[in-house]
Amino acid sequence: MNDIPSTDQLFLEIAKRHMPSVETLETRNRDALDFHDVAVWSIRNSLAEAYAAGQAAAKRSKKRSR
């Protein structure tokens, strides 16, 4: 069984953790649902977490290819 989340799942988990007003990353075609007031530190922390997840995935992939 694969315990590694898909990229979309990972992005949503990160977004929810740092930006609680975000319920989904799907377009819902309503400004009130698709646009959020978000603090810059929340965006920065989300990007940093996603970057770290990418680095960890690359390391796992490199280990598997040996």
PDB file of N, CA and C in Angstrom:
ATOM      1  N   MET A   1       0.842  -1.180   0.000  1.00  0.00           N
ATOM      2  CA  MET A   1       0.000   0.000   0.000  1.00  0.00           C
ATOM      3  C   MET A   1       0.889   1.247   0.000  1.00  0.00           C
ATOM      4  N   ASN A   2       0.524   2.245  -0.759  1.00  0.00           N
ATOM      5  CA  ASN A   2       1.299   3.466  -0.887  1.00  0.00           C
ATOM      6  C   ASN A   2       0.774   4.521   0.085  1.00  0.00           C
ATOM      7  N   ASP A   3       1.605   4.864   1.087  1.00  0.00           N
ATOM      8  CA  ASP A   3       1.203   5.855   2.089  1.00  0.00           C
ATOM      9  C   ASP A   3       1.595   7.274   1.686  1.00  0.00           C
ATOM     10  N   ILE A   4       2.167   7.425   0.503  1.00  0.00           N
ATOM     11  CA  ILE A   4       2.585   8.745   0.043  1.00  0.00           C
ATOM     12  C   ILE A   4       1.395   9.430  -0.623  1.00  0.00           C
ATOM     13  N   PRO A   5       1.011  10.622  -0.129  1.00  0.00           N
ATOM     14  CA  PRO A   5      -0.150  11.307  -0.723  1.00  0.00           C
ATOM     15  C   PRO A   5       0.162  11.809  -2.123  1.00  0.00           C
ATOM     16  N   SER A   6      -0.875  11.940  -2.929  1.00  0.00           N
ATOM     17  CA  SER A   6      -0.692  12.533  -4.252  1.00  0.00           C
ATOM     18  C   SER A   6      -0.302  13.993  -4.074  1.00  0.00           C
ATOM     19  N   THR A   7       0.222  14.581  -5.121  1.00  0.00           N
ATOM     20  CA  THR A   7       0.621  15.989  -5.065  1.00  0.00           C
ATOM     21  C   THR A   7      -0.561  16.866  -4.686  1.00  0.00           C
ATOM     22  N   ASP A   8      -1.720  16.638  -5.295  1.00  0.00           N
ATOM     23  CA  ASP A   8      -2.903  17.440  -4.978  1.00  0.00           C
ATOM     24  C   ASP A   8      -3.313  17.284  -3.516  1.00  0.00           C
ATOM     25  N   GLN A   9      -3.264  16.054  -3.008  1.00  0.00           N
ATOM     26  CA  GLN A   9      -3.604  15.824  -1.603  1.00  0.00           C
ATOM     27  C   GLN A   9      -2.626  16.552  -0.684  1.00  0.00           C
ATOM     28  N   LEU A  10      -1.341  16.466  -1.019  1.00  0.00           N
ATOM     29  CA  LEU A  10      -0.322  17.123  -0.211  1.00  0.00           C
ATOM     30  C   LEU A  10      -0.514  18.633  -0.212  1.00  0.00           C
ATOM     31  N   PHE A  11      -0.761  19.213  -1.388  1.00  0.00           N
ATOM     32  CA  PHE A  11      -0.993  20.663  -1.471  1.00  0.00           C
ATOM     33  C   PHE A  11      -2.177  21.082  -0.612  1.00  0.00           C
ATOM     34  N   LEU A  12      -3.263  20.309  -0.666  1.00  0.00           N
ATOM     35  CA  LEU A  12      -4.448  20.647   0.123  1.00  0.00           C
ATOM     36  C   LEU A  12      -4.162  20.541   1.620  1.00  0.00           C
ATOM     37  N   GLU A  13      -3.454  19.493   2.035  1.00  0.00           N
ATOM     38  CA  GLU A  13      -3.112  19.344   3.451  1.00  0.00           C
ATOM     39  C   GLU A  13      -2.274  20.529   3.937  1.00  0.00           C
ATOM     40  N   ILE A  14      -1.305  20.926   3.136  1.00  0.00           N
ATOM     41  CA  ILE A  14      -0.452  22.056   3.499  1.00  0.00           C
ATOM     42  C   ILE A  14      -1.274  23.342   3.564  1.00  0.00           C
ATOM     43  N   ALA A  15      -2.105  23.562   2.559  1.00  0.00           N
ATOM     44  CA  ALA A  15      -2.936  24.771   2.524  1.00  0.00           C
ATOM     45  C   ALA A  15      -3.848  24.839   3.749  1.00  0.00           C
ATOM     46  N   LYS A  16      -4.487  23.738   4.078  1.00  0.00           N
ATOM     47  CA  LYS A  16      -5.393  23.723   5.234  1.00  0.00           C
ATOM     48  C   LYS A  16      -4.655  23.967   6.545  1.00  0.00           C
ATOM     49  N   ARG A  17      -3.438  23.455   6.638  1.00  0.00           N
ATOM     50  CA  ARG A  17      -2.654  23.612   7.855  1.00  0.00           C
ATOM     51  C   ARG A  17      -2.249  25.077   8.082  1.00  0.00           C
ATOM     52  N   HIS A  18      -1.925  25.770   7.003  1.00  0.00           N
ATOM     53  CA  HIS A  18      -1.420  27.140   7.128  1.00  0.00           C
ATOM     54  C   HIS A  18      -2.473  28.211   6.847  1.00  0.00           C
ATOM     55  N   MET A  19      -3.537  27.827   6.169  1.00  0.00           N
ATOM     56  CA  MET A  19      -4.592  28.782   5.800  1.00  0.00           C
ATOM     57  C   MET A  19      -5.943  28.138   6.068  1.00  0.00           C
ATOM     58  N   PRO A  20      -6.399  28.177   7.312  1.00  0.00           N
ATOM     59  CA  PRO A  20      -7.626  27.466   7.704  1.00  0.00           C
ATOM     60  C   PRO A  20      -8.877  27.822   6.902  1.00  0.00           C
ATOM     61  N   SER A  21      -8.912  28.986   6.284  1.00  0.00           N
ATOM     62  CA  SER A  21     -10.100  29.358   5.503  1.00  0.00           C
ATOM     63  C   SER A  21     -10.184  28.606   4.176  1.00  0.00           C
ATOM     64  N   VAL A  22      -9.106  27.946   3.784  1.00  0.00           N
ATOM     65  CA  VAL A  22      -9.094  27.201   2.523  1.00  0.00           C
ATOM     66  C   VAL A  22      -9.678  25.814   2.760  1.00  0.00           C
ATOM     67  N   GLU A  23     -10.796  25.532   2.096  1.00  0.00           N
ATOM     68  CA  GLU A  23     -11.453  24.228   2.234  1.00  0.00           C
ATOM     69  C   GLU A  23     -11.068  23.286   1.103  1.00  0.00           C
ATOM     70  N   THR A  24     -10.794  23.853  -0.060  1.00  0.00           N
ATOM     71  CA  THR A  24     -10.455  23.071  -1.241  1.00  0.00           C
ATOM     72  C   THR A  24      -9.555  23.901  -2.133  1.00  0.00           C
ATOM     73  N   LEU A  25      -8.832  23.243  -3.003  1.00  0.00           N
ATOM     74  CA  LEU A  25      -8.031  23.951  -3.993  1.00  0.00           C
ATOM     75  C   LEU A  25      -8.674  23.863  -5.380  1.00  0.00           C
ATOM     76  N   GLU A  26      -9.896  23.369  -5.407  1.00  0.00           N
ATOM     77  CA  GLU A  26     -10.658  23.312  -6.655  1.00  0.00           C
ATOM     78  C   GLU A  26     -11.307  24.664  -6.924  1.00  0.00           C
ATOM     79  N   THR A  27     -11.400  25.040  -8.183  1.00  0.00           N
ATOM     80  CA  THR A  27     -12.094  26.268  -8.573  1.00  0.00           C
ATOM     81  C   THR A  27     -13.585  26.063  -8.380  1.00  0.00           C
ATOM     82  N   ARG A  28     -14.231  27.024  -7.705  1.00  0.00           N
ATOM     83  CA  ARG A  28     -15.668  26.923  -7.466  1.00  0.00           C
ATOM     84  C   ARG A  28     -16.445  28.033  -8.179  1.00  0.00           C
ATOM     85  N   ASN A  29     -15.738  28.867  -8.934  1.00  0.00           N
ATOM     86  CA  ASN A  29     -16.359  29.910  -9.764  1.00  0.00           C
ATOM     87  C   ASN A  29     -17.209  30.908  -8.986  1.00  0.00           C
ATOM     88  N   ARG A  30     -16.803  31.196  -7.765  1.00  0.00           N
ATOM     89  CA  ARG A  30     -17.417  32.256  -6.957  1.00  0.00           C
ATOM     90  C   ARG A  30     -16.298  32.965  -6.227  1.00  0.00           C
ATOM     91  N   ASP A  31     -16.225  34.266  -6.402  1.00  0.00           N
ATOM     92  CA  ASP A  31     -15.145  35.026  -5.780  1.00  0.00           C
ATOM     93  C   ASP A  31     -15.060  34.781  -4.283  1.00  0.00           C
ATOM     94  N   ALA A  32     -16.186  34.721  -3.623  1.00  0.00           N
ATOM     95  CA  ALA A  32     -16.200  34.535  -2.171  1.00  0.00           C
ATOM     96  C   ALA A  32     -15.602  33.186  -1.756  1.00  0.00           C
ATOM     97  N   LEU A  33     -15.617  32.229  -2.655  1.00  0.00           N
ATOM     98  CA  LEU A  33     -15.081  30.900  -2.365  1.00  0.00           C
ATOM     99  C   LEU A  33     -13.674  30.699  -2.918  1.00  0.00           C
ATOM    100  N   ASP A  34     -13.331  31.398  -3.984  1.00  0.00           N
ATOM    101  CA  ASP A  34     -12.053  31.175  -4.667  1.00  0.00           C
ATOM    102  C   ASP A  34     -10.935  32.131  -4.267  1.00  0.00           C
ATOM    103  N   PHE A  35     -11.269  33.221  -3.591  1.00  0.00           N
ATOM    104  CA  PHE A  35     -10.260  34.186  -3.171  1.00  0.00           C
ATOM    105  C   PHE A  35     -10.268  34.301  -1.652  1.00  0.00           C
ATOM    106  N   HIS A  36      -9.082  34.334  -1.065  1.00  0.00           N
ATOM    107  CA  HIS A  36      -8.951  34.359   0.386  1.00  0.00           C
ATOM    108  C   HIS A  36      -7.983  35.459   0.803  1.00  0.00           C
ATOM    109  N   ASP A  37      -8.271  36.110   1.933  1.00  0.00           N
ATOM    110  CA  ASP A  37      -7.300  37.006   2.551  1.00  0.00           C
ATOM    111  C   ASP A  37      -6.362  36.128   3.361  1.00  0.00           C
ATOM    112  N   VAL A  38      -5.101  36.153   2.983  1.00  0.00           N
ATOM    113  CA  VAL A  38      -4.129  35.275   3.624  1.00  0.00           C
ATOM    114  C   VAL A  38      -2.893  36.088   4.000  1.00  0.00           C
ATOM    115  N   ALA A  39      -2.405  35.873   5.193  1.00  0.00           N
ATOM    116  CA  ALA A  39      -1.198  36.560   5.641  1.00  0.00           C
ATOM    117  C   ALA A  39       0.014  36.067   4.851  1.00  0.00           C
ATOM    118  N   VAL A  40       0.931  36.966   4.583  1.00  0.00           N
ATOM    119  CA  VAL A  40       2.110  36.595   3.800  1.00  0.00           C
ATOM    120  C   VAL A  40       2.924  35.511   4.499  1.00  0.00           C
ATOM    121  N   TRP A  41       2.951  35.493   5.829  1.00  0.00           N
ATOM    122  CA  TRP A  41       3.711  34.454   6.514  1.00  0.00           C
ATOM    123  C   TRP A  41       3.059  33.087   6.341  1.00  0.00           C
ATOM    124  N   SER A  42       1.747  33.059   6.166  1.00  0.00           N
ATOM    125  CA  SER A  42       1.076  31.782   5.894  1.00  0.00           C
ATOM    126  C   SER A  42       1.459  31.262   4.511  1.00  0.00           C
ATOM    127  N   ILE A  43       1.534  32.171   3.556  1.00  0.00           N
ATOM    128  CA  ILE A  43       1.953  31.780   2.205  1.00  0.00           C
ATOM    129  C   ILE A  43       3.397  31.295   2.242  1.00  0.00           C
ATOM    130  N   ARG A  44       4.263  32.049   2.913  1.00  0.00           N
ATOM    131  CA  ARG A  44       5.671  31.675   2.993  1.00  0.00           C
ATOM    132  C   ARG A  44       5.829  30.308   3.652  1.00  0.00           C
ATOM    133  N   ASN A  45       5.143  30.088   4.770  1.00  0.00           N
ATOM    134  CA  ASN A  45       5.244  28.808   5.472  1.00  0.00           C
ATOM    135  C   ASN A  45       4.720  27.660   4.627  1.00  0.00           C
ATOM    136  N   SER A  46       3.660  27.897   3.873  1.00  0.00           N
ATOM    137  CA  SER A  46       3.119  26.870   2.984  1.00  0.00           C
ATOM    138  C   SER A  46       4.116  26.517   1.890  1.00  0.00           C
ATOM    139  N   LEU A  47       4.710  27.531   1.301  1.00  0.00           N
ATOM    140  CA  LEU A  47       5.703  27.293   0.249  1.00  0.00           C
ATOM    141  C   LEU A  47       6.925  26.561   0.805  1.00  0.00           C
ATOM    142  N   ALA A  48       7.363  26.947   1.991  1.00  0.00           N
ATOM    143  CA  ALA A  48       8.514  26.286   2.606  1.00  0.00           C
ATOM    144  C   ALA A  48       8.217  24.816   2.889  1.00  0.00           C
ATOM    145  N   GLU A  49       7.019  24.534   3.357  1.00  0.00           N
ATOM    146  CA  GLU A  49       6.642  23.141   3.637  1.00  0.00           C
ATOM    147  C   GLU A  49       6.552  22.322   2.353  1.00  0.00           C
ATOM    148  N   ALA A  50       5.991  22.910   1.313  1.00  0.00           N
ATOM    149  CA  ALA A  50       5.901  22.207   0.034  1.00  0.00           C
ATOM    150  C   ALA A  50       7.298  21.951  -0.546  1.00  0.00           C
ATOM    151  N   TYR A  51       8.184  22.921  -0.423  1.00  0.00           N
ATOM    152  CA  TYR A  51       9.562  22.758  -0.898  1.00  0.00           C
ATOM    153  C   TYR A  51      10.250  21.629  -0.139  1.00  0.00           C
ATOM    154  N   ALA A  52      10.102  21.608   1.186  1.00  0.00           N
ATOM    155  CA  ALA A  52      10.707  20.557   2.004  1.00  0.00           C
ATOM    156  C   ALA A  52      10.145  19.185   1.635  1.00  0.00           C
ATOM    157  N   ALA A  53       8.851  19.125   1.353  1.00  0.00           N
ATOM    158  CA  ALA A  53       8.241  17.859   0.939  1.00  0.00           C
ATOM    159  C   ALA A  53       8.828  17.386  -0.388  1.00  0.00           C
ATOM    160  N   GLY A  54       9.068  18.311  -1.290  1.00  0.00           N
ATOM    161  CA  GLY A  54       9.690  17.963  -2.568  1.00  0.00           C
ATOM    162  C   GLY A  54      11.107  17.446  -2.388  1.00  0.00           C
ATOM    163  N   GLN A  55      11.861  18.087  -1.497  1.00  0.00           N
ATOM    164  CA  GLN A  55      13.221  17.619  -1.217  1.00  0.00           C
ATOM    165  C   GLN A  55      13.199  16.212  -0.625  1.00  0.00           C
ATOM    166  N   ALA A  56      12.285  15.971   0.299  1.00  0.00           N
ATOM    167  CA  ALA A  56      12.178  14.646   0.919  1.00  0.00           C
ATOM    168  C   ALA A  56      11.786  13.597  -0.113  1.00  0.00           C
ATOM    169  N   ALA A  57      10.879  13.943  -1.009  1.00  0.00           N
ATOM    170  CA  ALA A  57      10.462  13.002  -2.055  1.00  0.00           C
ATOM    171  C   ALA A  57      11.624  12.684  -2.989  1.00  0.00           C
ATOM    172  N   ALA A  58      12.425  13.685  -3.308  1.00  0.00           N
ATOM    173  CA  ALA A  58      13.588  13.462  -4.179  1.00  0.00           C
ATOM    174  C   ALA A  58      14.590  12.539  -3.515  1.00  0.00           C
ATOM    175  N   LYS A  59      14.791  12.705  -2.205  1.00  0.00           N
ATOM    176  CA  LYS A  59      15.716  11.828  -1.478  1.00  0.00           C
ATOM    177  C   LYS A  59      15.193  10.397  -1.461  1.00  0.00           C
ATOM    178  N   ARG A  60      13.897  10.224  -1.236  1.00  0.00           N
ATOM    179  CA  ARG A  60      13.312   8.875  -1.243  1.00  0.00           C
ATOM    180  C   ARG A  60      13.468   8.239  -2.606  1.00  0.00           C
ATOM    181  N   SER A  61      13.226   9.026  -3.651  1.00  0.00           N
ATOM    182  CA  SER A  61      13.344   8.513  -5.010  1.00  0.00           C
ATOM    183  C   SER A  61      14.778   8.110  -5.330  1.00  0.00           C
ATOM    184  N   LYS A  62      15.716   8.908  -4.871  1.00  0.00           N
ATOM    185  CA  LYS A  62      17.133   8.632  -5.116  1.00  0.00           C
ATOM    186  C   LYS A  62      17.551   7.347  -4.417  1.00  0.00           C
ATOM    187  N   LYS A  63      17.060   7.135  -3.183  1.00  0.00           N
ATOM    188  CA  LYS A  63      17.387   5.917  -2.438  1.00  0.00           C
ATOM    189  C   LYS A  63      16.825   4.680  -3.140  1.00  0.00           C
ATOM    190  N   ARG A  64      15.607   4.805  -3.677  1.00  0.00           N
ATOM    191  CA  ARG A  64      14.965   3.665  -4.358  1.00  0.00           C
ATOM    192  C   ARG A  64      15.676   3.303  -5.652  1.00  0.00           C
ATOM    193  N   SER A  65      16.301   4.277  -6.295  1.00  0.00           N
ATOM    194  CA  SER A  65      16.909   4.020  -7.595  1.00  0.00           C
ATOM    195  C   SER A  65      18.304   3.396  -7.469  1.00  0.00           C
ATOM    196  N   ARG A  66      18.803   3.292  -6.266  1.00  0.00           N
ATOM    197  CA  ARG A  66      20.142   2.685  -6.063  1.00  0.00           C
ATOM    198  C   ARG A  66      20.098   1.207  -6.083  1.00  0.00           C
TER     199      ARG A  66
END
